Amino acid sequence: MRSNHLTRLSVGVAAAILTFAGSASAEKWDMPMAYSATNFHSATGAEFAKCVTTGTGGAIEIVTHPSGSLFKGAEIKRAIQTGQAPIGERLLSGHQNENVLFGFDSIPFLATSFDDSVKLWKAAKPSIEKVLDAQNLKLLYAVPWPPQGLYFKKEVNSVADMKGVKFRSYNTATARLAELTGMLPVQIEAAEISQAFATGVASSMVSSGSTGYDRKVWESLTHFYEVDAWLPRNYVMVNKGVWNKTSKANQGVIQGCATLAEYTGFWRSKEYTGFTLNGLRAGGMTVGLAGDKLVAELKEIGKTMTAEWLEKAGAEGKAIVDAFRAMK
């Protein structure tokens, strides 16, 4: 079934490529990305860039800049909005402070599996596209991270064990999680994780096995607890003005490549989950399910955070959650 989907997508992309309309002068689109070149999101982005460059016959050449080398993670969205970069990738939940809807994919224990992530995205996508459109942005594709777990430099069996621990936060939800568990939130971008743990700026985080594996956190941390808290998404967006000036034929190529990237990125994330957890184990970390007491306490905190998000998100947020729950 999966290979059939991939074949249909590839055929669709190929059809779009065959109908491209070349332009008199080639355009170079620099694409900032926050994560390392070896991260699966960055690899998917690089393949997407190559697909567009090839499909437009070089009329649009997308060049990726991973590891926050062009713009730091927190700066990428603004750079695309203002035309400093025509296209880029960003974790939108990192901007929940500007619009609470961006945090829909970081509600603890709402969508805890890849299947649930697909359903939640289906429920939220129209609202997210509407918000981005008003911000001079067009969404191209979105790919989920593997389920989020907890990293520590010690054994943790209850929320009480977390008190006072310096915790790497990357959005409003993770900062709030730190507050409710008695940890001390420290805002740290992905590219700075290794240094932050090595120097003691932080000694814990909630993230996927992918991030920990990419950053070799076993050099500083000792435990990873699988709690499947949520599956946040990375989003690839293009400046709306740039998009509107792009020919219809090349828009078709880009959208075809985006569809393929979203599909392959999803499966890459799913398959990467087990691989990275094994990688953490190979690095010397203790990896396993969190204990019943810790899970129960975290789920109570999740209920509090869900209620808080729904209150702030209002009717539109409630509609997203209700639509998602109706699919369960």
C-alpha atoms as a PDB file:
ATOM      1  CA  MET A   1       0.000   0.000   0.000  1.00  0.00           C
ATOM      2  CA  ARG A   2       2.756   2.415   0.968  1.00  0.00           C
ATOM      3  CA  SER A   3       4.726   1.776  -2.254  1.00  0.00           C
ATOM      4  CA  ASN A   4       1.576   2.396  -4.303  1.00  0.00           C
ATOM      5  CA  HIS A   5       1.085   5.775  -2.589  1.00  0.00           C
ATOM      6  CA  LEU A   6       4.708   6.661  -3.236  1.00  0.00           C
ATOM      7  CA  THR A   7       4.419   5.619  -6.891  1.00  0.00           C
ATOM      8  CA  ARG A   8       1.344   7.799  -7.398  1.00  0.00           C
ATOM      9  CA  LEU A   9       3.061  10.747  -5.750  1.00  0.00           C
ATOM     10  CA  SER A  10       6.188  10.252  -7.856  1.00  0.00           C
ATOM     11  CA  VAL A  11       4.111  10.068 -11.031  1.00  0.00           C
ATOM     12  CA  GLY A  12       2.343  13.275 -10.014  1.00  0.00           C
ATOM     13  CA  VAL A  13       5.619  15.046  -9.425  1.00  0.00           C
ATOM     14  CA  ALA A  14       6.999  13.747 -12.716  1.00  0.00           C
ATOM     15  CA  ALA A  15       3.936  15.041 -14.543  1.00  0.00           C
ATOM     16  CA  ALA A  16       4.412  18.451 -12.970  1.00  0.00           C
ATOM     17  CA  ILE A  17       8.106  18.435 -13.926  1.00  0.00           C
ATOM     18  CA  LEU A  18       7.265  17.716 -17.558  1.00  0.00           C
ATOM     19  CA  THR A  19       4.992  20.754 -17.703  1.00  0.00           C
ATOM     20  CA  PHE A  20       7.369  23.302 -16.146  1.00  0.00           C
ATOM     21  CA  ALA A  21       7.823  26.653 -17.830  1.00  0.00           C
ATOM     22  CA  GLY A  22      11.407  27.911 -17.760  1.00  0.00           C
ATOM     23  CA  SER A  23      12.144  31.558 -16.978  1.00  0.00           C
ATOM     24  CA  ALA A  24      14.541  33.979 -18.612  1.00  0.00           C
ATOM     25  CA  SER A  25      16.681  34.203 -15.501  1.00  0.00           C
ATOM     26  CA  ALA A  26      17.195  31.612 -12.787  1.00  0.00           C
ATOM     27  CA  GLU A  27      16.213  32.413  -9.192  1.00  0.00           C
ATOM     28  CA  LYS A  28      18.135  31.241  -6.147  1.00  0.00           C
ATOM     29  CA  TRP A  29      16.003  30.565  -3.084  1.00  0.00           C
ATOM     30  CA  ASP A  30      18.019  30.279   0.129  1.00  0.00           C
ATOM     31  CA  MET A  31      16.221  27.971   2.576  1.00  0.00           C
ATOM     32  CA  PRO A  32      17.233  28.348   6.256  1.00  0.00           C
ATOM     33  CA  MET A  33      16.711  25.297   8.481  1.00  0.00           C
ATOM     34  CA  ALA A  34      17.332  25.044  12.228  1.00  0.00           C
ATOM     35  CA  TYR A  35      18.519  21.447  12.530  1.00  0.00           C
ATOM     36  CA  SER A  36      21.732  19.693  11.550  1.00  0.00           C
ATOM     37  CA  ALA A  37      22.248  18.452   7.992  1.00  0.00           C
ATOM     38  CA  THR A  38      22.062  14.851   9.237  1.00  0.00           C
ATOM     39  CA  ASN A  39      18.663  15.355  10.876  1.00  0.00           C
ATOM     40  CA  PHE A  40      15.862  13.663   8.928  1.00  0.00           C
ATOM     41  CA  HIS A  41      13.949  16.947   8.565  1.00  0.00           C
ATOM     42  CA  SER A  42      16.990  18.567   6.975  1.00  0.00           C
ATOM     43  CA  ALA A  43      17.533  15.529   4.739  1.00  0.00           C
ATOM     44  CA  THR A  44      13.906  15.702   3.606  1.00  0.00           C
ATOM     45  CA  GLY A  45      14.298  19.433   2.978  1.00  0.00           C
ATOM     46  CA  ALA A  46      17.439  18.849   0.897  1.00  0.00           C
ATOM     47  CA  GLU A  47      15.585  16.293  -1.241  1.00  0.00           C
ATOM     48  CA  PHE A  48      12.670  18.703  -1.638  1.00  0.00           C
ATOM     49  CA  ALA A  49      15.100  21.436  -2.742  1.00  0.00           C
ATOM     50  CA  LYS A  50      16.691  19.142  -5.310  1.00  0.00           C
ATOM     51  CA  CYS A  51      13.254  18.095  -6.572  1.00  0.00           C
ATOM     52  CA  VAL A  52      12.248  21.730  -7.130  1.00  0.00           C
ATOM     53  CA  THR A  53      15.556  22.685  -8.718  1.00  0.00           C
ATOM     54  CA  THR A  54      15.371  19.742 -11.108  1.00  0.00           C
ATOM     55  CA  GLY A  55      11.647  20.052 -11.745  1.00  0.00           C
ATOM     56  CA  THR A  56      11.829  23.719 -12.711  1.00  0.00           C
ATOM     57  CA  GLY A  57      14.776  23.073 -14.978  1.00  0.00           C
ATOM     58  CA  GLY A  58      16.927  25.274 -12.755  1.00  0.00           C
ATOM     59  CA  ALA A  59      14.518  28.224 -13.039  1.00  0.00           C
ATOM     60  CA  ILE A  60      14.275  28.045  -9.236  1.00  0.00           C
ATOM     61  CA  GLU A  61      17.318  26.737  -7.384  1.00  0.00           C
ATOM     62  CA  ILE A  62      16.638  26.053  -3.715  1.00  0.00           C
ATOM     63  CA  VAL A  63      19.755  25.947  -1.535  1.00  0.00           C
ATOM     64  CA  THR A  64      19.321  24.653   2.040  1.00  0.00           C
ATOM     65  CA  HIS A  65      21.236  26.103   5.001  1.00  0.00           C
ATOM     66  CA  PRO A  66      20.953  23.656   7.961  1.00  0.00           C
ATOM     67  CA  SER A  67      22.073  24.051  11.600  1.00  0.00           C
ATOM     68  CA  GLY A  68      20.795  27.611  11.880  1.00  0.00           C
ATOM     69  CA  SER A  69      23.728  28.722   9.719  1.00  0.00           C
ATOM     70  CA  LEU A  70      21.778  31.396   7.807  1.00  0.00           C
ATOM     71  CA  PHE A  71      19.250  32.374  10.486  1.00  0.00           C
ATOM     72  CA  LYS A  72      18.872  30.951  13.977  1.00  0.00           C
ATOM     73  CA  GLY A  73      15.767  28.835  14.534  1.00  0.00           C
ATOM     74  CA  ALA A  74      13.794  31.559  16.289  1.00  0.00           C
ATOM     75  CA  GLU A  75      14.598  34.027  13.483  1.00  0.00           C
ATOM     76  CA  ILE A  76      13.602  31.872  10.504  1.00  0.00           C
ATOM     77  CA  LYS A  77       9.859  32.543  10.415  1.00  0.00           C
ATOM     78  CA  ARG A  78      10.332  36.302  10.629  1.00  0.00           C
ATOM     79  CA  ALA A  79      12.999  36.160   7.923  1.00  0.00           C
ATOM     80  CA  ILE A  80      10.550  34.493   5.531  1.00  0.00           C
ATOM     81  CA  GLN A  81       7.723  36.884   6.406  1.00  0.00           C
ATOM     82  CA  THR A  82       9.869  39.952   5.712  1.00  0.00           C
ATOM     83  CA  GLY A  83      11.499  38.593   2.558  1.00  0.00           C
ATOM     84  CA  GLN A  84      14.989  38.188   4.013  1.00  0.00           C
ATOM     85  CA  ALA A  85      14.664  34.554   2.910  1.00  0.00           C
ATOM     86  CA  PRO A  86      12.101  33.367   0.341  1.00  0.00           C
ATOM     87  CA  ILE A  87      11.545  29.958   1.943  1.00  0.00           C
ATOM     88  CA  GLY A  88      12.436  28.115   5.133  1.00  0.00           C
ATOM     89  CA  GLU A  89      11.528  25.566   7.784  1.00  0.00           C
ATOM     90  CA  ARG A  90      10.389  26.285  11.315  1.00  0.00           C
ATOM     91  CA  LEU A  91       8.839  24.579  14.341  1.00  0.00           C
ATOM     92  CA  LEU A  92       5.702  26.745  14.553  1.00  0.00           C
ATOM     93  CA  SER A  93       4.999  25.804  18.166  1.00  0.00           C
ATOM     94  CA  GLY A  94       8.061  27.912  18.918  1.00  0.00           C
ATOM     95  CA  HIS A  95       5.868  30.907  18.048  1.00  0.00           C
ATOM     96  CA  GLN A  96       2.877  30.028  20.235  1.00  0.00           C
ATOM     97  CA  ASN A  97       3.423  33.311  22.062  1.00  0.00           C
ATOM     98  CA  GLU A  98       2.328  35.222  18.928  1.00  0.00           C
ATOM     99  CA  ASN A  99      -0.637  32.972  18.143  1.00  0.00           C
ATOM    100  CA  VAL A 100      -1.821  30.261  20.508  1.00  0.00           C
ATOM    101  CA  LEU A 101      -3.065  28.090  17.604  1.00  0.00           C
ATOM    102  CA  PHE A 102       0.557  27.387  16.662  1.00  0.00           C
ATOM    103  CA  GLY A 103       0.741  25.241  19.801  1.00  0.00           C
ATOM    104  CA  PHE A 104      -1.978  22.790  18.781  1.00  0.00           C
ATOM    105  CA  ASP A 105       0.599  20.046  18.161  1.00  0.00           C
ATOM    106  CA  SER A 106       2.239  20.470  21.578  1.00  0.00           C
ATOM    107  CA  ILE A 107      -0.773  19.800  23.799  1.00  0.00           C
ATOM    108  CA  PRO A 108       0.477  17.059  26.165  1.00  0.00           C
ATOM    109  CA  PHE A 109      -1.055  13.614  25.689  1.00  0.00           C
ATOM    110  CA  LEU A 110      -3.650  14.744  23.124  1.00  0.00           C
ATOM    111  CA  ALA A 111      -2.111  13.105  20.052  1.00  0.00           C
ATOM    112  CA  THR A 112       0.487  10.569  21.180  1.00  0.00           C
ATOM    113  CA  SER A 113       0.998   8.405  18.082  1.00  0.00           C
ATOM    114  CA  PHE A 114       1.756   8.920  14.404  1.00  0.00           C
ATOM    115  CA  ASP A 115      -1.804   7.972  13.465  1.00  0.00           C
ATOM    116  CA  ASP A 116      -3.177  10.513  15.942  1.00  0.00           C
ATOM    117  CA  SER A 117      -0.742  13.114  14.619  1.00  0.00           C
ATOM    118  CA  VAL A 118      -2.187  12.708  11.124  1.00  0.00           C
ATOM    119  CA  LYS A 119      -5.720  13.175  12.444  1.00  0.00           C
ATOM    120  CA  LEU A 120      -4.812  16.209  14.527  1.00  0.00           C
ATOM    121  CA  TRP A 121      -3.056  17.808  11.550  1.00  0.00           C
ATOM    122  CA  LYS A 122      -6.117  17.205   9.380  1.00  0.00           C
ATOM    123  CA  ALA A 123      -8.240  18.970  11.998  1.00  0.00           C
ATOM    124  CA  ALA A 124      -5.859  21.908  12.431  1.00  0.00           C
ATOM    125  CA  LYS A 125      -4.472  22.484   8.929  1.00  0.00           C
ATOM    126  CA  PRO A 126      -7.190  24.880   7.632  1.00  0.00           C
ATOM    127  CA  SER A 127      -6.772  27.134  10.683  1.00  0.00           C
ATOM    128  CA  ILE A 128      -2.970  27.098  10.489  1.00  0.00           C
ATOM    129  CA  GLU A 129      -3.025  27.906   6.767  1.00  0.00           C
ATOM    130  CA  LYS A 130      -5.379  30.818   7.461  1.00  0.00           C
ATOM    131  CA  VAL A 131      -3.111  32.247  10.175  1.00  0.00           C
ATOM    132  CA  LEU A 132      -0.005  31.885   8.002  1.00  0.00           C
ATOM    133  CA  ASP A 133      -1.735  33.502   5.022  1.00  0.00           C
ATOM    134  CA  ALA A 134      -2.474  36.574   7.156  1.00  0.00           C
ATOM    135  CA  GLN A 135       1.230  36.668   8.054  1.00  0.00           C
ATOM    136  CA  ASN A 136       2.410  36.768   4.424  1.00  0.00           C
ATOM    137  CA  LEU A 137       3.282  33.069   4.422  1.00  0.00           C
ATOM    138  CA  LYS A 138       2.160  30.075   2.361  1.00  0.00           C
ATOM    139  CA  LEU A 139       2.456  26.614   3.875  1.00  0.00           C
ATOM    140  CA  LEU A 140       4.071  24.025   1.609  1.00  0.00           C
ATOM    141  CA  TYR A 141       4.376  20.930   3.798  1.00  0.00           C
ATOM    142  CA  ALA A 142       4.624  19.740   7.394  1.00  0.00           C
ATOM    143  CA  VAL A 143       6.352  16.694   8.909  1.00  0.00           C
ATOM    144  CA  PRO A 144       5.970  15.416  12.488  1.00  0.00           C
ATOM    145  CA  TRP A 145       8.802  14.666  14.850  1.00  0.00           C
ATOM    146  CA  PRO A 146       8.859  11.254  16.558  1.00  0.00           C
ATOM    147  CA  PRO A 147       7.037  11.111  19.919  1.00  0.00           C
ATOM    148  CA  GLN A 148       8.550  13.337  22.598  1.00  0.00           C
ATOM    149  CA  GLY A 149      10.260  11.780  25.597  1.00  0.00           C
ATOM    150  CA  LEU A 150      12.154  13.078  28.630  1.00  0.00           C
ATOM    151  CA  TYR A 151      15.946  13.287  28.920  1.00  0.00           C
ATOM    152  CA  PHE A 152      17.757  13.545  32.250  1.00  0.00           C
ATOM    153  CA  LYS A 153      21.182  13.296  33.797  1.00  0.00           C
ATOM    154  CA  LYS A 154      19.828  11.055  36.553  1.00  0.00           C
ATOM    155  CA  GLU A 155      17.145   8.472  37.266  1.00  0.00           C
ATOM    156  CA  VAL A 156      13.692  10.030  37.572  1.00  0.00           C
ATOM    157  CA  ASN A 157      10.703   8.143  38.968  1.00  0.00           C
ATOM    158  CA  SER A 158       8.316  10.958  39.882  1.00  0.00           C
ATOM    159  CA  VAL A 159       7.668  14.633  39.290  1.00  0.00           C
ATOM    160  CA  ALA A 160       9.247  15.329  42.679  1.00  0.00           C
ATOM    161  CA  ASP A 161      12.558  14.066  41.263  1.00  0.00           C
ATOM    162  CA  MET A 162      12.446  16.847  38.644  1.00  0.00           C
ATOM    163  CA  LYS A 163      12.370  19.760  41.075  1.00  0.00           C
ATOM    164  CA  GLY A 164      15.131  22.283  40.486  1.00  0.00           C
ATOM    165  CA  VAL A 165      16.465  20.604  37.329  1.00  0.00           C
ATOM    166  CA  LYS A 166      17.559  22.995  34.553  1.00  0.00           C
ATOM    167  CA  PHE A 167      15.298  22.170  31.618  1.00  0.00           C
ATOM    168  CA  ARG A 168      15.803  23.062  27.949  1.00  0.00           C
ATOM    169  CA  SER A 169      12.615  24.654  26.622  1.00  0.00           C
ATOM    170  CA  TYR A 170      11.865  25.440  22.978  1.00  0.00           C
ATOM    171  CA  ASN A 171       8.314  26.792  23.075  1.00  0.00           C
ATOM    172  CA  THR A 172       5.566  27.985  25.418  1.00  0.00           C
ATOM    173  CA  ALA A 173       4.373  24.447  26.132  1.00  0.00           C
ATOM    174  CA  THR A 174       7.784  23.152  27.198  1.00  0.00           C
ATOM    175  CA  ALA A 175       8.367  26.204  29.394  1.00  0.00           C
ATOM    176  CA  ARG A 176       4.997  25.642  31.063  1.00  0.00           C
ATOM    177  CA  LEU A 177       5.767  21.939  31.530  1.00  0.00           C
ATOM    178  CA  ALA A 178       8.937  22.953  33.345  1.00  0.00           C
ATOM    179  CA  GLU A 179       7.042  25.316  35.626  1.00  0.00           C
ATOM    180  CA  LEU A 180       4.391  22.736  36.537  1.00  0.00           C
ATOM    181  CA  THR A 181       7.007  20.095  37.366  1.00  0.00           C
ATOM    182  CA  GLY A 182       9.213  22.421  39.383  1.00  0.00           C
ATOM    183  CA  MET A 183      12.014  22.491  36.820  1.00  0.00           C
ATOM    184  CA  LEU A 184      13.819  25.636  35.678  1.00  0.00           C
ATOM    185  CA  PRO A 185      13.163  26.443  31.979  1.00  0.00           C
ATOM    186  CA  VAL A 186      16.041  27.686  29.827  1.00  0.00           C
ATOM    187  CA  GLN A 187      15.336  28.708  26.210  1.00  0.00           C
ATOM    188  CA  ILE A 188      17.810  26.823  23.995  1.00  0.00           C
ATOM    189  CA  GLU A 189      17.714  26.394  20.220  1.00  0.00           C
ATOM    190  CA  ALA A 190      18.398  22.976  18.682  1.00  0.00           C
ATOM    191  CA  ALA A 191      21.798  23.962  17.314  1.00  0.00           C
ATOM    192  CA  GLU A 192      22.933  24.897  20.849  1.00  0.00           C
ATOM    193  CA  ILE A 193      21.822  21.731  22.644  1.00  0.00           C
ATOM    194  CA  SER A 194      25.166  19.905  22.797  1.00  0.00           C
ATOM    195  CA  GLN A 195      27.013  22.899  24.205  1.00  0.00           C
ATOM    196  CA  ALA A 196      24.240  23.671  26.688  1.00  0.00           C
ATOM    197  CA  PHE A 197      24.352  20.170  28.172  1.00  0.00           C
ATOM    198  CA  ALA A 198      28.148  19.995  28.118  1.00  0.00           C
ATOM    199  CA  THR A 199      28.467  23.266  30.033  1.00  0.00           C
ATOM    200  CA  GLY A 200      25.640  22.619  32.501  1.00  0.00           C
ATOM    201  CA  VAL A 201      23.368  25.372  31.196  1.00  0.00           C
ATOM    202  CA  ALA A 202      20.713  22.630  31.121  1.00  0.00           C
ATOM    203  CA  SER A 203      20.600  18.980  32.158  1.00  0.00           C
ATOM    204  CA  SER A 204      17.239  17.821  30.846  1.00  0.00           C
ATOM    205  CA  MET A 205      14.756  18.305  28.005  1.00  0.00           C
ATOM    206  CA  VAL A 206      11.639  16.910  26.403  1.00  0.00           C
ATOM    207  CA  SER A 207      12.359  15.966  22.800  1.00  0.00           C
ATOM    208  CA  SER A 208      12.385  13.091  20.371  1.00  0.00           C
ATOM    209  CA  GLY A 209      14.967  10.346  20.169  1.00  0.00           C
ATOM    210  CA  SER A 210      15.982  11.966  16.887  1.00  0.00           C
ATOM    211  CA  THR A 211      17.196  15.204  18.451  1.00  0.00           C
ATOM    212  CA  GLY A 212      19.112  13.381  21.163  1.00  0.00           C
ATOM    213  CA  TYR A 213      20.727  11.045  18.669  1.00  0.00           C
ATOM    214  CA  ASP A 214      21.700  13.835  16.284  1.00  0.00           C
ATOM    215  CA  ARG A 215      23.276  15.841  19.122  1.00  0.00           C
ATOM    216  CA  LYS A 216      24.950  12.853  20.818  1.00  0.00           C
ATOM    217  CA  VAL A 217      23.447  13.808  24.156  1.00  0.00           C
ATOM    218  CA  TRP A 218      24.757  10.600  25.746  1.00  0.00           C
ATOM    219  CA  GLU A 219      28.002  12.521  26.163  1.00  0.00           C
ATOM    220  CA  SER A 220      26.247  14.556  28.895  1.00  0.00           C
ATOM    221  CA  LEU A 221      22.937  12.841  29.805  1.00  0.00           C
ATOM    222  CA  THR A 222      22.162   9.359  31.103  1.00  0.00           C
ATOM    223  CA  HIS A 223      18.419   8.590  30.847  1.00  0.00           C
ATOM    224  CA  PHE A 224      15.691   8.799  28.199  1.00  0.00           C
ATOM    225  CA  TYR A 225      12.117   8.051  29.266  1.00  0.00           C
ATOM    226  CA  GLU A 226       9.520   7.210  26.620  1.00  0.00           C
ATOM    227  CA  VAL A 227       6.361   9.118  27.529  1.00  0.00           C
ATOM    228  CA  ASP A 228       5.026   9.897  24.005  1.00  0.00           C
ATOM    229  CA  ALA A 229       3.907  13.318  25.180  1.00  0.00           C
ATOM    230  CA  TRP A 230       3.205  14.809  21.733  1.00  0.00           C
ATOM    231  CA  LEU A 231       4.481  14.894  18.138  1.00  0.00           C
ATOM    232  CA  PRO A 232       5.243  18.496  17.142  1.00  0.00           C
ATOM    233  CA  ARG A 233       5.681  19.381  13.492  1.00  0.00           C
ATOM    234  CA  ASN A 234       8.227  21.237  11.407  1.00  0.00           C
ATOM    235  CA  TYR A 235       6.722  23.388   8.657  1.00  0.00           C
ATOM    236  CA  VAL A 236       8.183  24.524   5.345  1.00  0.00           C
ATOM    237  CA  MET A 237       6.820  27.918   4.313  1.00  0.00           C
ATOM    238  CA  VAL A 238       7.375  30.339   1.451  1.00  0.00           C
ATOM    239  CA  ASN A 239       6.991  34.126   1.402  1.00  0.00           C
ATOM    240  CA  LYS A 240       3.578  34.849  -0.137  1.00  0.00           C
ATOM    241  CA  GLY A 241       4.871  37.663  -2.331  1.00  0.00           C
ATOM    242  CA  VAL A 242       7.562  35.389  -3.745  1.00  0.00           C
ATOM    243  CA  TRP A 243       4.995  32.646  -4.254  1.00  0.00           C
ATOM    244  CA  ASN A 244       2.553  34.912  -6.072  1.00  0.00           C
ATOM    245  CA  LYS A 245       5.283  35.991  -8.502  1.00  0.00           C
ATOM    246  CA  THR A 246       6.138  32.373  -9.312  1.00  0.00           C
ATOM    247  CA  SER A 247       4.658  30.995 -12.527  1.00  0.00           C
ATOM    248  CA  LYS A 248       1.698  28.626 -12.245  1.00  0.00           C
ATOM    249  CA  ALA A 249       3.738  25.854 -13.831  1.00  0.00           C
ATOM    250  CA  ASN A 250       6.563  26.218 -11.318  1.00  0.00           C
ATOM    251  CA  GLN A 251       4.056  26.509  -8.465  1.00  0.00           C
ATOM    252  CA  GLY A 252       2.744  23.125  -9.602  1.00  0.00           C
ATOM    253  CA  VAL A 253       6.229  21.642  -9.494  1.00  0.00           C
ATOM    254  CA  ILE A 254       6.852  23.041  -5.999  1.00  0.00           C
ATOM    255  CA  GLN A 255       3.543  21.735  -4.681  1.00  0.00           C
ATOM    256  CA  GLY A 256       4.195  18.329  -6.207  1.00  0.00           C
ATOM    257  CA  CYS A 257       7.619  18.186  -4.575  1.00  0.00           C
ATOM    258  CA  ALA A 258       6.081  19.368  -1.281  1.00  0.00           C
ATOM    259  CA  THR A 259       3.492  16.585  -1.356  1.00  0.00           C
ATOM    260  CA  LEU A 260       6.228  14.027  -1.903  1.00  0.00           C
ATOM    261  CA  ALA A 261       8.370  15.562   0.869  1.00  0.00           C
ATOM    262  CA  GLU A 262       5.502  15.462   3.368  1.00  0.00           C
ATOM    263  CA  TYR A 263       4.839  11.814   2.596  1.00  0.00           C
ATOM    264  CA  THR A 264       8.459  10.655   2.689  1.00  0.00           C
ATOM    265  CA  GLY A 265       9.215  12.830   5.714  1.00  0.00           C
ATOM    266  CA  PHE A 266       6.361  11.238   7.655  1.00  0.00           C
ATOM    267  CA  TRP A 267       7.608   7.705   6.982  1.00  0.00           C
ATOM    268  CA  ARG A 268      11.192   8.698   7.626  1.00  0.00           C
ATOM    269  CA  SER A 269      10.137  10.055  11.029  1.00  0.00           C
ATOM    270  CA  LYS A 270       8.236   6.870  11.841  1.00  0.00           C
ATOM    271  CA  GLU A 271      11.092   4.579  10.876  1.00  0.00           C
ATOM    272  CA  TYR A 272      13.713   6.814  12.482  1.00  0.00           C
ATOM    273  CA  THR A 273      12.047   6.493  15.895  1.00  0.00           C
ATOM    274  CA  GLY A 274      13.309   2.991  16.700  1.00  0.00           C
ATOM    275  CA  PHE A 275      16.668   3.596  15.052  1.00  0.00           C
ATOM    276  CA  THR A 276      17.445   6.646  17.179  1.00  0.00           C
ATOM    277  CA  LEU A 277      16.348   5.031  20.431  1.00  0.00           C
ATOM    278  CA  ASN A 278      18.714   2.156  19.677  1.00  0.00           C
ATOM    279  CA  GLY A 279      21.359   4.765  18.950  1.00  0.00           C
ATOM    280  CA  LEU A 280      20.855   6.331  22.369  1.00  0.00           C
ATOM    281  CA  ARG A 281      21.242   2.900  23.955  1.00  0.00           C
ATOM    282  CA  ALA A 282      24.401   2.256  21.958  1.00  0.00           C
ATOM    283  CA  GLY A 283      25.733   5.556  23.256  1.00  0.00           C
ATOM    284  CA  GLY A 284      25.320   4.285  26.801  1.00  0.00           C
ATOM    285  CA  MET A 285      22.002   5.820  27.828  1.00  0.00           C
ATOM    286  CA  THR A 286      19.303   4.020  29.789  1.00  0.00           C
ATOM    287  CA  VAL A 287      16.264   4.022  27.471  1.00  0.00           C
ATOM    288  CA  GLY A 288      12.815   2.738  28.370  1.00  0.00           C
ATOM    289  CA  LEU A 289       9.236   3.450  29.328  1.00  0.00           C
ATOM    290  CA  ALA A 290       8.624   5.886  32.164  1.00  0.00           C
ATOM    291  CA  GLY A 291       7.273   4.371  35.366  1.00  0.00           C
ATOM    292  CA  ASP A 292       3.545   4.297  36.130  1.00  0.00           C
ATOM    293  CA  LYS A 293       3.821   6.925  38.873  1.00  0.00           C
ATOM    294  CA  LEU A 294       5.654   9.392  36.629  1.00  0.00           C
ATOM    295  CA  VAL A 295       3.275   8.826  33.707  1.00  0.00           C
ATOM    296  CA  ALA A 296       0.203   9.324  35.907  1.00  0.00           C
ATOM    297  CA  GLU A 297       1.603  12.558  37.333  1.00  0.00           C
ATOM    298  CA  LEU A 298       2.551  13.854  33.896  1.00  0.00           C
ATOM    299  CA  LYS A 299      -0.910  13.107  32.525  1.00  0.00           C
ATOM    300  CA  GLU A 300      -2.459  15.172  35.315  1.00  0.00           C
ATOM    301  CA  ILE A 301      -0.170  18.025  34.334  1.00  0.00           C
ATOM    302  CA  GLY A 302      -1.208  17.406  30.730  1.00  0.00           C
ATOM    303  CA  LYS A 303      -4.859  17.918  31.687  1.00  0.00           C
ATOM    304  CA  THR A 304      -3.985  21.271  33.240  1.00  0.00           C
ATOM    305  CA  MET A 305      -2.038  22.357  30.149  1.00  0.00           C
ATOM    306  CA  THR A 306      -4.817  21.226  27.810  1.00  0.00           C
ATOM    307  CA  ALA A 307      -7.393  23.251  29.746  1.00  0.00           C
ATOM    308  CA  GLU A 308      -5.108  26.292  29.689  1.00  0.00           C
ATOM    309  CA  TRP A 309      -4.538  25.993  25.936  1.00  0.00           C
ATOM    310  CA  LEU A 310      -8.241  25.608  25.198  1.00  0.00           C
ATOM    311  CA  GLU A 311      -9.057  28.680  27.289  1.00  0.00           C
ATOM    312  CA  LYS A 312      -6.521  30.785  25.386  1.00  0.00           C
ATOM    313  CA  ALA A 313      -7.355  29.333  21.953  1.00  0.00           C
ATOM    314  CA  GLY A 314     -11.076  30.005  22.283  1.00  0.00           C
ATOM    315  CA  ALA A 315     -13.696  28.673  19.876  1.00  0.00           C
ATOM    316  CA  GLU A 316     -11.229  27.986  17.056  1.00  0.00           C
ATOM    317  CA  GLY A 317      -8.962  25.943  19.311  1.00  0.00           C
ATOM    318  CA  LYS A 318     -11.911  24.019  20.709  1.00  0.00           C
ATOM    319  CA  ALA A 319     -13.089  23.278  17.160  1.00  0.00           C
ATOM    320  CA  ILE A 320      -9.676  21.771  16.335  1.00  0.00           C
ATOM    321  CA  VAL A 321      -9.659  19.533  19.406  1.00  0.00           C
ATOM    322  CA  ASP A 322     -13.310  18.523  18.936  1.00  0.00           C
ATOM    323  CA  ALA A 323     -12.714  17.663  15.267  1.00  0.00           C
ATOM    324  CA  PHE A 324      -9.690  15.581  16.217  1.00  0.00           C
ATOM    325  CA  ARG A 325     -11.534  13.700  18.977  1.00  0.00           C
ATOM    326  CA  ALA A 326     -14.408  12.994  16.586  1.00  0.00           C
ATOM    327  CA  MET A 327     -11.952  11.071  14.376  1.00  0.00           C
ATOM    328  CA  LYS A 328     -10.782   8.813  17.218  1.00  0.00           C
END
